């Protein structure tokens, strides 16, 4: 239903409009409200913010139509106004249009012309509302989906192509907030969520700084992917930076004695990138999978608080950039043979 406010000090106009549009009123397409001047109109608009458009005369007592037009523009720039006036000279038309009027109709009213103008104004407003809705939805989507995924989706023309995947050379890091369940057991849920989001925001800023992408949030952990030049080196820099930033955060409370620390596993190599999920359910998750990813997750699980673990075989090209300590051979879940693991200590100056 379209809600239309008619502002005119001629009471006869209300009778005429109700008569001429009785079919569309009866069918629930139009809902008219009436005001005798601009002051009353503003009160009605205040009480009914869902009014879609205004039909207004110019010459009225207390507040004229041009003053009303300027005040409506201040309150709601999306609320469109069509001026209906006997003063159809160019000066009034120009003044009205400059104040934001959508159209101008002269009296005596040609109701066929008025109906066409109404439909045109409604169509324009609907287009604007649809565009704003799409923008809001897109902004909301950006909060839930990484920009890399949005770009990927934007380049796919067919639904079937969304199921395509590719093999990439990249680095993946699992960053877990150690012992965060301590907070969950002792604090209100809103405090827990707020604190977790604060810690996540700190981590994400560091990931973005090194041009990594957040693949997903997993409980109180983050999975991040790094592609492009020096991706493994950049992943380690992020891990060291996050560890340092976490160390600077004070104890949350004396009661919980919680001090945020992270355990991190990083691995580098080939992995499959693409949409994983179910067509039937119409639910997909754009992610990376493969043995490289699994090993990174296992390294994070094996890491102690404050530790950053990597495989020895991955560090040859960056061994001069960082200082490592040898952890030794480690048996990882679902791996047939032990792997040689190193701990990242610090970046070399």
C-alpha atoms as a PDB file:
ATOM      1  CA  UNK A   1       0.000   0.000   0.000  1.00  0.00           C
ATOM      2  CA  UNK A   2       1.268   3.474  -0.960  1.00  0.00           C
ATOM      3  CA  UNK A   3       0.658   6.136   1.692  1.00  0.00           C
ATOM      4  CA  UNK A   4       0.033   9.593   0.211  1.00  0.00           C
ATOM      5  CA  UNK A   5      -0.339  12.850   2.161  1.00  0.00           C
ATOM      6  CA  UNK A   6      -2.405  15.551   0.418  1.00  0.00           C
ATOM      7  CA  UNK A   7      -1.742  19.080   1.745  1.00  0.00           C
ATOM      8  CA  UNK A   8      -4.270  21.703   0.568  1.00  0.00           C
ATOM      9  CA  UNK A   9      -6.548  24.221   2.278  1.00  0.00           C
ATOM     10  CA  UNK A  10      -9.345  23.493  -0.196  1.00  0.00           C
ATOM     11  CA  UNK A  11     -11.562  20.898   1.496  1.00  0.00           C
ATOM     12  CA  UNK A  12     -13.208  20.063  -1.843  1.00  0.00           C
ATOM     13  CA  UNK A  13      -9.955  18.506  -3.081  1.00  0.00           C
ATOM     14  CA  UNK A  14     -10.236  15.738  -0.485  1.00  0.00           C
ATOM     15  CA  UNK A  15     -13.688  14.815  -1.805  1.00  0.00           C
ATOM     16  CA  UNK A  16     -12.496  14.844  -5.407  1.00  0.00           C
ATOM     17  CA  UNK A  17      -9.433  12.699  -4.722  1.00  0.00           C
ATOM     18  CA  UNK A  18     -11.405  10.127  -2.762  1.00  0.00           C
ATOM     19  CA  UNK A  19     -13.901   9.961  -5.599  1.00  0.00           C
ATOM     20  CA  UNK A  20     -11.397   9.794  -8.482  1.00  0.00           C
ATOM     21  CA  UNK A  21      -9.183   7.155  -6.791  1.00  0.00           C
ATOM     22  CA  UNK A  22     -11.956   5.200  -5.050  1.00  0.00           C
ATOM     23  CA  UNK A  23     -11.159   1.970  -6.919  1.00  0.00           C
ATOM     24  CA  UNK A  24      -7.467   2.001  -5.977  1.00  0.00           C
ATOM     25  CA  UNK A  25      -8.355   3.028  -2.405  1.00  0.00           C
ATOM     26  CA  UNK A  26     -10.895   0.193  -2.142  1.00  0.00           C
ATOM     27  CA  UNK A  27      -8.365  -2.338  -3.465  1.00  0.00           C
ATOM     28  CA  UNK A  28      -5.864  -1.244  -0.807  1.00  0.00           C
ATOM     29  CA  UNK A  29      -3.402   0.194  -3.297  1.00  0.00           C
ATOM     30  CA  UNK A  30      -3.593   3.821  -2.085  1.00  0.00           C
ATOM     31  CA  UNK A  31      -4.059   5.210   1.420  1.00  0.00           C
ATOM     32  CA  UNK A  32      -4.653   8.983   1.466  1.00  0.00           C
ATOM     33  CA  UNK A  33      -4.264  11.314   4.426  1.00  0.00           C
ATOM     34  CA  UNK A  34      -5.155  15.009   4.303  1.00  0.00           C
ATOM     35  CA  UNK A  35      -3.837  18.207   5.905  1.00  0.00           C
ATOM     36  CA  UNK A  36      -5.120  21.785   5.509  1.00  0.00           C
ATOM     37  CA  UNK A  37      -1.655  23.401   5.718  1.00  0.00           C
ATOM     38  CA  UNK A  38       2.066  22.720   5.991  1.00  0.00           C
ATOM     39  CA  UNK A  39       2.155  22.857   9.790  1.00  0.00           C
ATOM     40  CA  UNK A  40      -0.448  20.117  10.146  1.00  0.00           C
ATOM     41  CA  UNK A  41       1.310  18.143   7.408  1.00  0.00           C
ATOM     42  CA  UNK A  42       4.589  18.158   9.375  1.00  0.00           C
ATOM     43  CA  UNK A  43       2.767  16.827  12.437  1.00  0.00           C
ATOM     44  CA  UNK A  44       1.256  13.999  10.365  1.00  0.00           C
ATOM     45  CA  UNK A  45       4.668  13.170   8.861  1.00  0.00           C
ATOM     46  CA  UNK A  46       6.172  13.063  12.353  1.00  0.00           C
ATOM     47  CA  UNK A  47       3.501  10.597  13.485  1.00  0.00           C
ATOM     48  CA  UNK A  48       3.599   8.575  10.238  1.00  0.00           C
ATOM     49  CA  UNK A  49       7.209   8.178   9.081  1.00  0.00           C
ATOM     50  CA  UNK A  50       6.108   5.552   6.536  1.00  0.00           C
ATOM     51  CA  UNK A  51       4.365   8.106   4.275  1.00  0.00           C
ATOM     52  CA  UNK A  52       5.593   7.505   0.723  1.00  0.00           C
ATOM     53  CA  UNK A  53       4.881  10.813  -1.024  1.00  0.00           C
ATOM     54  CA  UNK A  54       3.246  14.224  -0.668  1.00  0.00           C
ATOM     55  CA  UNK A  55       0.863  16.172  -2.914  1.00  0.00           C
ATOM     56  CA  UNK A  56       0.993  19.812  -1.816  1.00  0.00           C
ATOM     57  CA  UNK A  57      -0.494  23.154  -2.745  1.00  0.00           C
ATOM     58  CA  UNK A  58       1.682  26.296  -2.494  1.00  0.00           C
ATOM     59  CA  UNK A  59      -0.607  29.013  -1.138  1.00  0.00           C
ATOM     60  CA  UNK A  60      -1.876  27.915   2.314  1.00  0.00           C
ATOM     61  CA  UNK A  61      -2.323  29.601   5.726  1.00  0.00           C
ATOM     62  CA  UNK A  62       0.191  29.162   8.619  1.00  0.00           C
ATOM     63  CA  UNK A  63       2.776  27.356   6.449  1.00  0.00           C
ATOM     64  CA  UNK A  64       2.860  27.439   2.634  1.00  0.00           C
ATOM     65  CA  UNK A  65       3.835  24.574   0.374  1.00  0.00           C
ATOM     66  CA  UNK A  66       7.319  25.849  -0.477  1.00  0.00           C
ATOM     67  CA  UNK A  67       8.219  26.164   3.220  1.00  0.00           C
ATOM     68  CA  UNK A  68       6.839  22.670   3.798  1.00  0.00           C
ATOM     69  CA  UNK A  69       8.933  21.406   0.885  1.00  0.00           C
ATOM     70  CA  UNK A  70      12.139  22.800   2.397  1.00  0.00           C
ATOM     71  CA  UNK A  71      11.377  21.301   5.819  1.00  0.00           C
ATOM     72  CA  UNK A  72      10.494  17.889   4.355  1.00  0.00           C
ATOM     73  CA  UNK A  73      13.814  17.899   2.487  1.00  0.00           C
ATOM     74  CA  UNK A  74      15.613  18.458   5.810  1.00  0.00           C
ATOM     75  CA  UNK A  75      13.701  15.674   7.581  1.00  0.00           C
ATOM     76  CA  UNK A  76      13.611  13.006   4.876  1.00  0.00           C
ATOM     77  CA  UNK A  77      15.330  13.531   1.535  1.00  0.00           C
ATOM     78  CA  UNK A  78      13.738  10.323   0.184  1.00  0.00           C
ATOM     79  CA  UNK A  79      10.175  11.579   0.716  1.00  0.00           C
ATOM     80  CA  UNK A  80       9.099  12.887  -2.690  1.00  0.00           C
ATOM     81  CA  UNK A  81       6.721  15.833  -3.138  1.00  0.00           C
ATOM     82  CA  UNK A  82       4.558  16.758  -6.122  1.00  0.00           C
ATOM     83  CA  UNK A  83       3.376  20.363  -6.095  1.00  0.00           C
ATOM     84  CA  UNK A  84      -0.240  21.004  -7.172  1.00  0.00           C
ATOM     85  CA  UNK A  85      -0.885  24.718  -7.542  1.00  0.00           C
ATOM     86  CA  UNK A  86      -2.769  27.370  -9.515  1.00  0.00           C
ATOM     87  CA  UNK A  87       0.444  29.382  -9.457  1.00  0.00           C
ATOM     88  CA  UNK A  88       1.984  27.704 -12.471  1.00  0.00           C
ATOM     89  CA  UNK A  89       4.386  30.490 -13.442  1.00  0.00           C
ATOM     90  CA  UNK A  90       7.997  29.627 -14.173  1.00  0.00           C
ATOM     91  CA  UNK A  91       9.299  31.323 -11.014  1.00  0.00           C
ATOM     92  CA  UNK A  92       7.182  29.107  -8.725  1.00  0.00           C
ATOM     93  CA  UNK A  93       8.001  26.010 -10.742  1.00  0.00           C
ATOM     94  CA  UNK A  94      11.751  26.755 -10.589  1.00  0.00           C
ATOM     95  CA  UNK A  95      11.614  27.518  -6.849  1.00  0.00           C
ATOM     96  CA  UNK A  96       9.725  24.280  -6.143  1.00  0.00           C
ATOM     97  CA  UNK A  97      12.069  22.154  -8.236  1.00  0.00           C
ATOM     98  CA  UNK A  98      15.147  23.741  -6.628  1.00  0.00           C
ATOM     99  CA  UNK A  99      13.697  22.877  -3.213  1.00  0.00           C
ATOM    100  CA  UNK A 100      13.440  19.229  -4.250  1.00  0.00           C
ATOM    101  CA  UNK A 101       9.952  18.849  -5.731  1.00  0.00           C
ATOM    102  CA  UNK A 102       9.687  15.761  -7.914  1.00  0.00           C
ATOM    103  CA  UNK A 103       7.075  17.254 -10.269  1.00  0.00           C
ATOM    104  CA  UNK A 104       4.661  20.185 -10.673  1.00  0.00           C
ATOM    105  CA  UNK A 105       0.955  20.016 -11.639  1.00  0.00           C
ATOM    106  CA  UNK A 106      -1.195  23.078 -12.260  1.00  0.00           C
ATOM    107  CA  UNK A 107      -4.799  23.630 -11.163  1.00  0.00           C
ATOM    108  CA  UNK A 108      -7.490  22.910 -12.153  1.00  0.00           C
ATOM    109  CA  UNK A 109      -6.260  19.352 -11.709  1.00  0.00           C
ATOM    110  CA  UNK A 110      -6.320  16.968 -14.633  1.00  0.00           C
ATOM    111  CA  UNK A 111      -6.843  13.752 -12.642  1.00  0.00           C
ATOM    112  CA  UNK A 112      -5.615  11.531 -15.456  1.00  0.00           C
ATOM    113  CA  UNK A 113      -2.356  13.513 -15.484  1.00  0.00           C
ATOM    114  CA  UNK A 114      -2.251  13.348 -11.678  1.00  0.00           C
ATOM    115  CA  UNK A 115      -2.607   9.549 -11.749  1.00  0.00           C
ATOM    116  CA  UNK A 116       0.220   9.209 -14.280  1.00  0.00           C
ATOM    117  CA  UNK A 117       2.404  11.505 -12.160  1.00  0.00           C
ATOM    118  CA  UNK A 118       1.604   9.528  -9.009  1.00  0.00           C
ATOM    119  CA  UNK A 119       2.547   6.241 -10.674  1.00  0.00           C
ATOM    120  CA  UNK A 120       5.774   7.750 -12.036  1.00  0.00           C
ATOM    121  CA  UNK A 121       6.719   9.153  -8.609  1.00  0.00           C
ATOM    122  CA  UNK A 122       5.948   5.856  -6.872  1.00  0.00           C
ATOM    123  CA  UNK A 123       8.004   3.919  -9.427  1.00  0.00           C
ATOM    124  CA  UNK A 124      10.954   6.272  -8.914  1.00  0.00           C
ATOM    125  CA  UNK A 125      10.708   5.975  -5.119  1.00  0.00           C
ATOM    126  CA  UNK A 126      10.542   2.183  -5.345  1.00  0.00           C
ATOM    127  CA  UNK A 127      13.686   2.151  -7.476  1.00  0.00           C
ATOM    128  CA  UNK A 128      15.504   4.290  -4.902  1.00  0.00           C
ATOM    129  CA  UNK A 129      14.327   2.059  -2.029  1.00  0.00           C
ATOM    130  CA  UNK A 130      15.400  -1.048  -3.944  1.00  0.00           C
ATOM    131  CA  UNK A 131      18.850   0.430  -4.603  1.00  0.00           C
ATOM    132  CA  UNK A 132      19.300   1.408  -0.952  1.00  0.00           C
ATOM    133  CA  UNK A 133      18.164  -2.043   0.166  1.00  0.00           C
ATOM    134  CA  UNK A 134      20.726  -3.661  -2.141  1.00  0.00           C
ATOM    135  CA  UNK A 135      23.460  -1.374  -0.808  1.00  0.00           C
ATOM    136  CA  UNK A 136      22.541  -2.183   2.800  1.00  0.00           C
ATOM    137  CA  UNK A 137      22.471  -5.907   2.049  1.00  0.00           C
ATOM    138  CA  UNK A 138      25.823  -5.648   0.297  1.00  0.00           C
ATOM    139  CA  UNK A 139      27.335  -3.827   3.271  1.00  0.00           C
ATOM    140  CA  UNK A 140      25.920  -6.458   5.622  1.00  0.00           C
ATOM    141  CA  UNK A 141      27.258  -9.220   3.357  1.00  0.00           C
ATOM    142  CA  UNK A 142      30.711  -7.654   3.555  1.00  0.00           C
ATOM    143  CA  UNK A 143      30.598  -8.117   7.337  1.00  0.00           C
ATOM    144  CA  UNK A 144      30.062 -11.861   6.923  1.00  0.00           C
ATOM    145  CA  UNK A 145      32.046 -12.639   3.774  1.00  0.00           C
ATOM    146  CA  UNK A 146      35.671 -11.891   3.018  1.00  0.00           C
ATOM    147  CA  UNK A 147      36.316  -9.465   0.136  1.00  0.00           C
ATOM    148  CA  UNK A 148      38.239 -12.183  -1.719  1.00  0.00           C
ATOM    149  CA  UNK A 149      35.090 -14.311  -1.741  1.00  0.00           C
ATOM    150  CA  UNK A 150      32.914 -11.403  -2.925  1.00  0.00           C
ATOM    151  CA  UNK A 151      35.305 -10.750  -5.808  1.00  0.00           C
ATOM    152  CA  UNK A 152      35.294 -14.456  -6.672  1.00  0.00           C
ATOM    153  CA  UNK A 153      31.494 -14.558  -6.644  1.00  0.00           C
ATOM    154  CA  UNK A 154      31.253 -11.396  -8.731  1.00  0.00           C
ATOM    155  CA  UNK A 155      33.350 -12.969 -11.478  1.00  0.00           C
ATOM    156  CA  UNK A 156      31.192 -16.105 -11.712  1.00  0.00           C
ATOM    157  CA  UNK A 157      28.388 -15.845 -14.238  1.00  0.00           C
ATOM    158  CA  UNK A 158      26.817 -19.290 -13.934  1.00  0.00           C
ATOM    159  CA  UNK A 159      25.664 -21.099 -10.799  1.00  0.00           C
ATOM    160  CA  UNK A 160      27.477 -24.251 -11.922  1.00  0.00           C
ATOM    161  CA  UNK A 161      30.773 -22.375 -12.081  1.00  0.00           C
ATOM    162  CA  UNK A 162      30.510 -21.597  -8.373  1.00  0.00           C
ATOM    163  CA  UNK A 163      31.378 -25.250  -7.725  1.00  0.00           C
ATOM    164  CA  UNK A 164      34.668 -24.925  -9.624  1.00  0.00           C
ATOM    165  CA  UNK A 165      37.931 -25.023  -7.672  1.00  0.00           C
ATOM    166  CA  UNK A 166      41.610 -24.454  -8.285  1.00  0.00           C
ATOM    167  CA  UNK A 167      44.925 -25.563  -6.843  1.00  0.00           C
ATOM    168  CA  UNK A 168      46.960 -22.727  -5.367  1.00  0.00           C
ATOM    169  CA  UNK A 169      50.291 -22.325  -3.617  1.00  0.00           C
ATOM    170  CA  UNK A 170      49.673 -20.491  -0.358  1.00  0.00           C
ATOM    171  CA  UNK A 171      50.212 -20.415   3.384  1.00  0.00           C
ATOM    172  CA  UNK A 172      47.563 -21.019   5.999  1.00  0.00           C
ATOM    173  CA  UNK A 173      47.638 -20.076   9.681  1.00  0.00           C
ATOM    174  CA  UNK A 174      45.446 -21.277  12.523  1.00  0.00           C
ATOM    175  CA  UNK A 175      45.467 -18.818  15.426  1.00  0.00           C
ATOM    176  CA  UNK A 176      43.754 -19.998  18.606  1.00  0.00           C
ATOM    177  CA  UNK A 177      42.925 -17.919  21.668  1.00  0.00           C
ATOM    178  CA  UNK A 178      44.196 -20.165  24.457  1.00  0.00           C
ATOM    179  CA  UNK A 179      41.953 -21.042  27.425  1.00  0.00           C
ATOM    180  CA  UNK A 180      39.244 -18.549  26.478  1.00  0.00           C
ATOM    181  CA  UNK A 181      36.688 -20.898  28.066  1.00  0.00           C
ATOM    182  CA  UNK A 182      37.836 -19.510  31.436  1.00  0.00           C
ATOM    183  CA  UNK A 183      36.040 -16.286  30.567  1.00  0.00           C
ATOM    184  CA  UNK A 184      32.963 -18.111  29.270  1.00  0.00           C
ATOM    185  CA  UNK A 185      32.504 -19.913  32.576  1.00  0.00           C
ATOM    186  CA  UNK A 186      32.624 -16.782  34.717  1.00  0.00           C
ATOM    187  CA  UNK A 187      31.216 -13.891  32.683  1.00  0.00           C
ATOM    188  CA  UNK A 188      27.913 -12.904  31.113  1.00  0.00           C
ATOM    189  CA  UNK A 189      27.496 -13.972  27.448  1.00  0.00           C
ATOM    190  CA  UNK A 190      27.444 -10.364  26.192  1.00  0.00           C
ATOM    191  CA  UNK A 191      30.778  -9.726  27.945  1.00  0.00           C
ATOM    192  CA  UNK A 192      32.263 -12.886  26.440  1.00  0.00           C
ATOM    193  CA  UNK A 193      31.149 -12.042  22.895  1.00  0.00           C
ATOM    194  CA  UNK A 194      32.317  -8.432  23.201  1.00  0.00           C
ATOM    195  CA  UNK A 195      35.733  -9.473  24.460  1.00  0.00           C
ATOM    196  CA  UNK A 196      36.147 -12.167  21.807  1.00  0.00           C
ATOM    197  CA  UNK A 197      35.242  -9.686  19.074  1.00  0.00           C
ATOM    198  CA  UNK A 198      37.787  -7.250  20.487  1.00  0.00           C
ATOM    199  CA  UNK A 199      40.552  -9.873  20.355  1.00  0.00           C
ATOM    200  CA  UNK A 200      39.476 -10.995  16.882  1.00  0.00           C
ATOM    201  CA  UNK A 201      39.526  -7.411  15.638  1.00  0.00           C
ATOM    202  CA  UNK A 202      43.105  -7.047  16.832  1.00  0.00           C
ATOM    203  CA  UNK A 203      44.128 -10.231  14.984  1.00  0.00           C
ATOM    204  CA  UNK A 204      42.255  -9.371  11.800  1.00  0.00           C
ATOM    205  CA  UNK A 205      43.923  -5.958  11.545  1.00  0.00           C
ATOM    206  CA  UNK A 206      47.315  -7.650  11.556  1.00  0.00           C
ATOM    207  CA  UNK A 207      46.186 -10.204   8.948  1.00  0.00           C
ATOM    208  CA  UNK A 208      44.866  -7.479   6.637  1.00  0.00           C
ATOM    209  CA  UNK A 209      48.045  -5.442   7.134  1.00  0.00           C
ATOM    210  CA  UNK A 210      50.025  -8.269   5.515  1.00  0.00           C
ATOM    211  CA  UNK A 211      47.388  -8.752   2.785  1.00  0.00           C
ATOM    212  CA  UNK A 212      46.085 -12.013   4.180  1.00  0.00           C
ATOM    213  CA  UNK A 213      42.418 -13.016   4.144  1.00  0.00           C
ATOM    214  CA  UNK A 214      40.322 -14.403   6.975  1.00  0.00           C
ATOM    215  CA  UNK A 215      39.000 -17.734   5.767  1.00  0.00           C
ATOM    216  CA  UNK A 216      36.771 -18.298   8.779  1.00  0.00           C
ATOM    217  CA  UNK A 217      36.261 -17.865  12.504  1.00  0.00           C
ATOM    218  CA  UNK A 218      36.173 -21.223  14.298  1.00  0.00           C
ATOM    219  CA  UNK A 219      34.935 -20.786  17.847  1.00  0.00           C
ATOM    220  CA  UNK A 220      37.721 -18.770  19.471  1.00  0.00           C
ATOM    221  CA  UNK A 221      40.187 -19.348  16.621  1.00  0.00           C
ATOM    222  CA  UNK A 222      40.894 -17.756  13.235  1.00  0.00           C
ATOM    223  CA  UNK A 223      41.910 -19.491  10.016  1.00  0.00           C
ATOM    224  CA  UNK A 224      43.817 -17.109   7.722  1.00  0.00           C
ATOM    225  CA  UNK A 225      45.141 -17.649   4.199  1.00  0.00           C
ATOM    226  CA  UNK A 226      48.058 -15.849   2.543  1.00  0.00           C
ATOM    227  CA  UNK A 227      48.657 -15.905  -1.203  1.00  0.00           C
ATOM    228  CA  UNK A 228      51.044 -14.152  -3.547  1.00  0.00           C
ATOM    229  CA  UNK A 229      54.659 -13.172  -3.152  1.00  0.00           C
ATOM    230  CA  UNK A 230      56.397 -14.169   0.110  1.00  0.00           C
ATOM    231  CA  UNK A 231      53.155 -15.598   1.493  1.00  0.00           C
ATOM    232  CA  UNK A 232      54.878 -17.824   4.077  1.00  0.00           C
ATOM    233  CA  UNK A 233      57.064 -14.985   5.348  1.00  0.00           C
ATOM    234  CA  UNK A 234      54.040 -12.698   5.616  1.00  0.00           C
ATOM    235  CA  UNK A 235      52.083 -15.336   7.536  1.00  0.00           C
ATOM    236  CA  UNK A 236      54.895 -15.661  10.092  1.00  0.00           C
ATOM    237  CA  UNK A 237      55.158 -11.876  10.459  1.00  0.00           C
ATOM    238  CA  UNK A 238      51.444 -11.759  11.246  1.00  0.00           C
ATOM    239  CA  UNK A 239      51.790 -14.535  13.823  1.00  0.00           C
ATOM    240  CA  UNK A 240      54.667 -12.737  15.589  1.00  0.00           C
ATOM    241  CA  UNK A 241      52.810  -9.440  15.532  1.00  0.00           C
ATOM    242  CA  UNK A 242      49.631 -10.959  16.967  1.00  0.00           C
ATOM    243  CA  UNK A 243      51.601 -12.707  19.708  1.00  0.00           C
ATOM    244  CA  UNK A 244      53.296  -9.430  20.610  1.00  0.00           C
ATOM    245  CA  UNK A 245      50.022  -7.470  20.647  1.00  0.00           C
ATOM    246  CA  UNK A 246      48.366 -10.096  22.841  1.00  0.00           C
ATOM    247  CA  UNK A 247      51.253  -9.945  25.291  1.00  0.00           C
ATOM    248  CA  UNK A 248      50.601  -6.229  25.758  1.00  0.00           C
ATOM    249  CA  UNK A 249      46.982  -6.757  26.830  1.00  0.00           C
ATOM    250  CA  UNK A 250      46.565  -6.759  30.641  1.00  0.00           C
ATOM    251  CA  UNK A 251      44.859  -9.466  32.681  1.00  0.00           C
ATOM    252  CA  UNK A 252      41.120  -9.295  32.057  1.00  0.00           C
ATOM    253  CA  UNK A 253      40.027  -9.614  35.705  1.00  0.00           C
ATOM    254  CA  UNK A 254      41.400 -10.760  39.016  1.00  0.00           C
ATOM    255  CA  UNK A 255      38.562 -13.260  39.342  1.00  0.00           C
ATOM    256  CA  UNK A 256      39.368 -15.168  36.155  1.00  0.00           C
ATOM    257  CA  UNK A 257      43.071 -14.259  36.044  1.00  0.00           C
ATOM    258  CA  UNK A 258      42.727 -14.559  32.274  1.00  0.00           C
ATOM    259  CA  UNK A 259      45.631 -13.251  30.207  1.00  0.00           C
ATOM    260  CA  UNK A 260      45.068 -13.554  26.431  1.00  0.00           C
ATOM    261  CA  UNK A 261      47.607 -15.783  24.692  1.00  0.00           C
ATOM    262  CA  UNK A 262      47.627 -17.465  21.313  1.00  0.00           C
ATOM    263  CA  UNK A 263      48.864 -20.787  19.990  1.00  0.00           C
ATOM    264  CA  UNK A 264      49.597 -20.765  16.269  1.00  0.00           C
ATOM    265  CA  UNK A 265      50.261 -23.328  13.569  1.00  0.00           C
ATOM    266  CA  UNK A 266      51.403 -22.278  10.080  1.00  0.00           C
ATOM    267  CA  UNK A 267      51.998 -24.373   7.002  1.00  0.00           C
ATOM    268  CA  UNK A 268      52.788 -23.634   3.373  1.00  0.00           C
ATOM    269  CA  UNK A 269      52.287 -25.497   0.106  1.00  0.00           C
ATOM    270  CA  UNK A 270      49.646 -26.588  -2.376  1.00  0.00           C
ATOM    271  CA  UNK A 271      45.970 -26.539  -1.402  1.00  0.00           C
ATOM    272  CA  UNK A 272      42.623 -26.602  -3.155  1.00  0.00           C
ATOM    273  CA  UNK A 273      40.681 -23.336  -3.165  1.00  0.00           C
ATOM    274  CA  UNK A 274      36.972 -23.142  -3.972  1.00  0.00           C
ATOM    275  CA  UNK A 275      33.404 -23.459  -2.768  1.00  0.00           C
ATOM    276  CA  UNK A 276      32.732 -26.441  -0.539  1.00  0.00           C
ATOM    277  CA  UNK A 277      29.178 -27.351   0.411  1.00  0.00           C
ATOM    278  CA  UNK A 278      25.824 -28.537  -0.852  1.00  0.00           C
ATOM    279  CA  UNK A 279      23.944 -27.385  -3.918  1.00  0.00           C
ATOM    280  CA  UNK A 280      20.756 -28.965  -2.554  1.00  0.00           C
ATOM    281  CA  UNK A 281      20.999 -26.983   0.668  1.00  0.00           C
ATOM    282  CA  UNK A 282      22.126 -23.909  -1.313  1.00  0.00           C
ATOM    283  CA  UNK A 283      24.885 -23.378   1.192  1.00  0.00           C
ATOM    284  CA  UNK A 284      28.536 -23.022   0.246  1.00  0.00           C
ATOM    285  CA  UNK A 285      31.703 -22.143   2.105  1.00  0.00           C
ATOM    286  CA  UNK A 286      34.535 -20.585   0.123  1.00  0.00           C
ATOM    287  CA  UNK A 287      37.665 -22.053   1.687  1.00  0.00           C
ATOM    288  CA  UNK A 288      40.924 -23.929   1.183  1.00  0.00           C
ATOM    289  CA  UNK A 289      41.342 -27.635   1.886  1.00  0.00           C
ATOM    290  CA  UNK A 290      44.047 -30.278   1.603  1.00  0.00           C
ATOM    291  CA  UNK A 291      46.904 -31.862   3.509  1.00  0.00           C
ATOM    292  CA  UNK A 292      48.720 -28.521   3.860  1.00  0.00           C
ATOM    293  CA  UNK A 293      45.719 -27.072   5.664  1.00  0.00           C
ATOM    294  CA  UNK A 294      45.258 -30.137   7.867  1.00  0.00           C
ATOM    295  CA  UNK A 295      48.904 -30.025   8.984  1.00  0.00           C
ATOM    296  CA  UNK A 296      48.597 -26.334   9.917  1.00  0.00           C
ATOM    297  CA  UNK A 297      45.583 -27.170  12.080  1.00  0.00           C
ATOM    298  CA  UNK A 298      47.451 -30.063  13.744  1.00  0.00           C
ATOM    299  CA  UNK A 299      50.460 -27.817  14.439  1.00  0.00           C
ATOM    300  CA  UNK A 300      48.214 -25.275  16.142  1.00  0.00           C
ATOM    301  CA  UNK A 301      46.670 -28.008  18.304  1.00  0.00           C
ATOM    302  CA  UNK A 302      50.159 -29.161  19.322  1.00  0.00           C
ATOM    303  CA  UNK A 303      51.415 -25.636  20.081  1.00  0.00           C
ATOM    304  CA  UNK A 304      51.682 -24.420  23.668  1.00  0.00           C
ATOM    305  CA  UNK A 305      50.452 -20.949  24.679  1.00  0.00           C
ATOM    306  CA  UNK A 306      52.659 -18.387  22.949  1.00  0.00           C
ATOM    307  CA  UNK A 307      54.152 -20.904  20.516  1.00  0.00           C
ATOM    308  CA  UNK A 308      54.238 -20.542  16.745  1.00  0.00           C
ATOM    309  CA  UNK A 309      54.950 -23.885  15.083  1.00  0.00           C
ATOM    310  CA  UNK A 310      56.008 -24.546  11.474  1.00  0.00           C
ATOM    311  CA  UNK A 311      57.507 -27.448   9.527  1.00  0.00           C
ATOM    312  CA  UNK A 312      61.259 -27.503   9.122  1.00  0.00           C
ATOM    313  CA  UNK A 313      60.984 -28.245   5.386  1.00  0.00           C
ATOM    314  CA  UNK A 314      59.168 -24.944   4.767  1.00  0.00           C
ATOM    315  CA  UNK A 315      61.765 -22.543   6.186  1.00  0.00           C
ATOM    316  CA  UNK A 316      64.734 -22.914   3.815  1.00  0.00           C
ATOM    317  CA  UNK A 317      64.049 -19.734   1.857  1.00  0.00           C
ATOM    318  CA  UNK A 318      63.267 -17.584   4.905  1.00  0.00           C
ATOM    319  CA  UNK A 319      65.684 -18.971   7.513  1.00  0.00           C
ATOM    320  CA  UNK A 320      67.729 -15.749   7.484  1.00  0.00           C
ATOM    321  CA  UNK A 321      64.662 -13.608   8.153  1.00  0.00           C
ATOM    322  CA  UNK A 322      63.634 -15.278  11.424  1.00  0.00           C
ATOM    323  CA  UNK A 323      65.157 -17.090  14.373  1.00  0.00           C
ATOM    324  CA  UNK A 324      63.862 -20.621  14.933  1.00  0.00           C
ATOM    325  CA  UNK A 325      64.210 -23.179  17.705  1.00  0.00           C
ATOM    326  CA  UNK A 326      64.118 -26.907  17.011  1.00  0.00           C
ATOM    327  CA  UNK A 327      61.199 -28.748  18.570  1.00  0.00           C
ATOM    328  CA  UNK A 328      62.106 -32.052  16.943  1.00  0.00           C
ATOM    329  CA  UNK A 329      60.058 -34.786  15.366  1.00  0.00           C
ATOM    330  CA  UNK A 330      56.372 -34.723  16.131  1.00  0.00           C
ATOM    331  CA  UNK A 331      53.658 -37.257  15.378  1.00  0.00           C
ATOM    332  CA  UNK A 332      50.610 -35.475  14.038  1.00  0.00           C
ATOM    333  CA  UNK A 333      47.146 -36.967  13.926  1.00  0.00           C
ATOM    334  CA  UNK A 334      46.378 -38.852  10.688  1.00  0.00           C
ATOM    335  CA  UNK A 335      49.992 -38.500   9.471  1.00  0.00           C
ATOM    336  CA  UNK A 336      51.772 -41.791   8.754  1.00  0.00           C
ATOM    337  CA  UNK A 337      55.227 -40.432   9.570  1.00  0.00           C
ATOM    338  CA  UNK A 338      56.529 -37.946  12.137  1.00  0.00           C
ATOM    339  CA  UNK A 339      57.351 -34.443  10.892  1.00  0.00           C
ATOM    340  CA  UNK A 340      60.212 -32.169  11.911  1.00  0.00           C
ATOM    341  CA  UNK A 341      58.841 -29.107  13.663  1.00  0.00           C
ATOM    342  CA  UNK A 342      60.393 -25.721  14.446  1.00  0.00           C
ATOM    343  CA  UNK A 343      59.271 -22.940  16.746  1.00  0.00           C
ATOM    344  CA  UNK A 344      59.373 -19.360  15.484  1.00  0.00           C
ATOM    345  CA  UNK A 345      61.154 -17.198  18.058  1.00  0.00           C
ATOM    346  CA  UNK A 346      61.448 -13.734  16.539  1.00  0.00           C
ATOM    347  CA  UNK A 347      62.081 -11.751  13.401  1.00  0.00           C
ATOM    348  CA  UNK A 348      65.687 -10.875  12.592  1.00  0.00           C
ATOM    349  CA  UNK A 349      66.538  -7.211  12.186  1.00  0.00           C
END
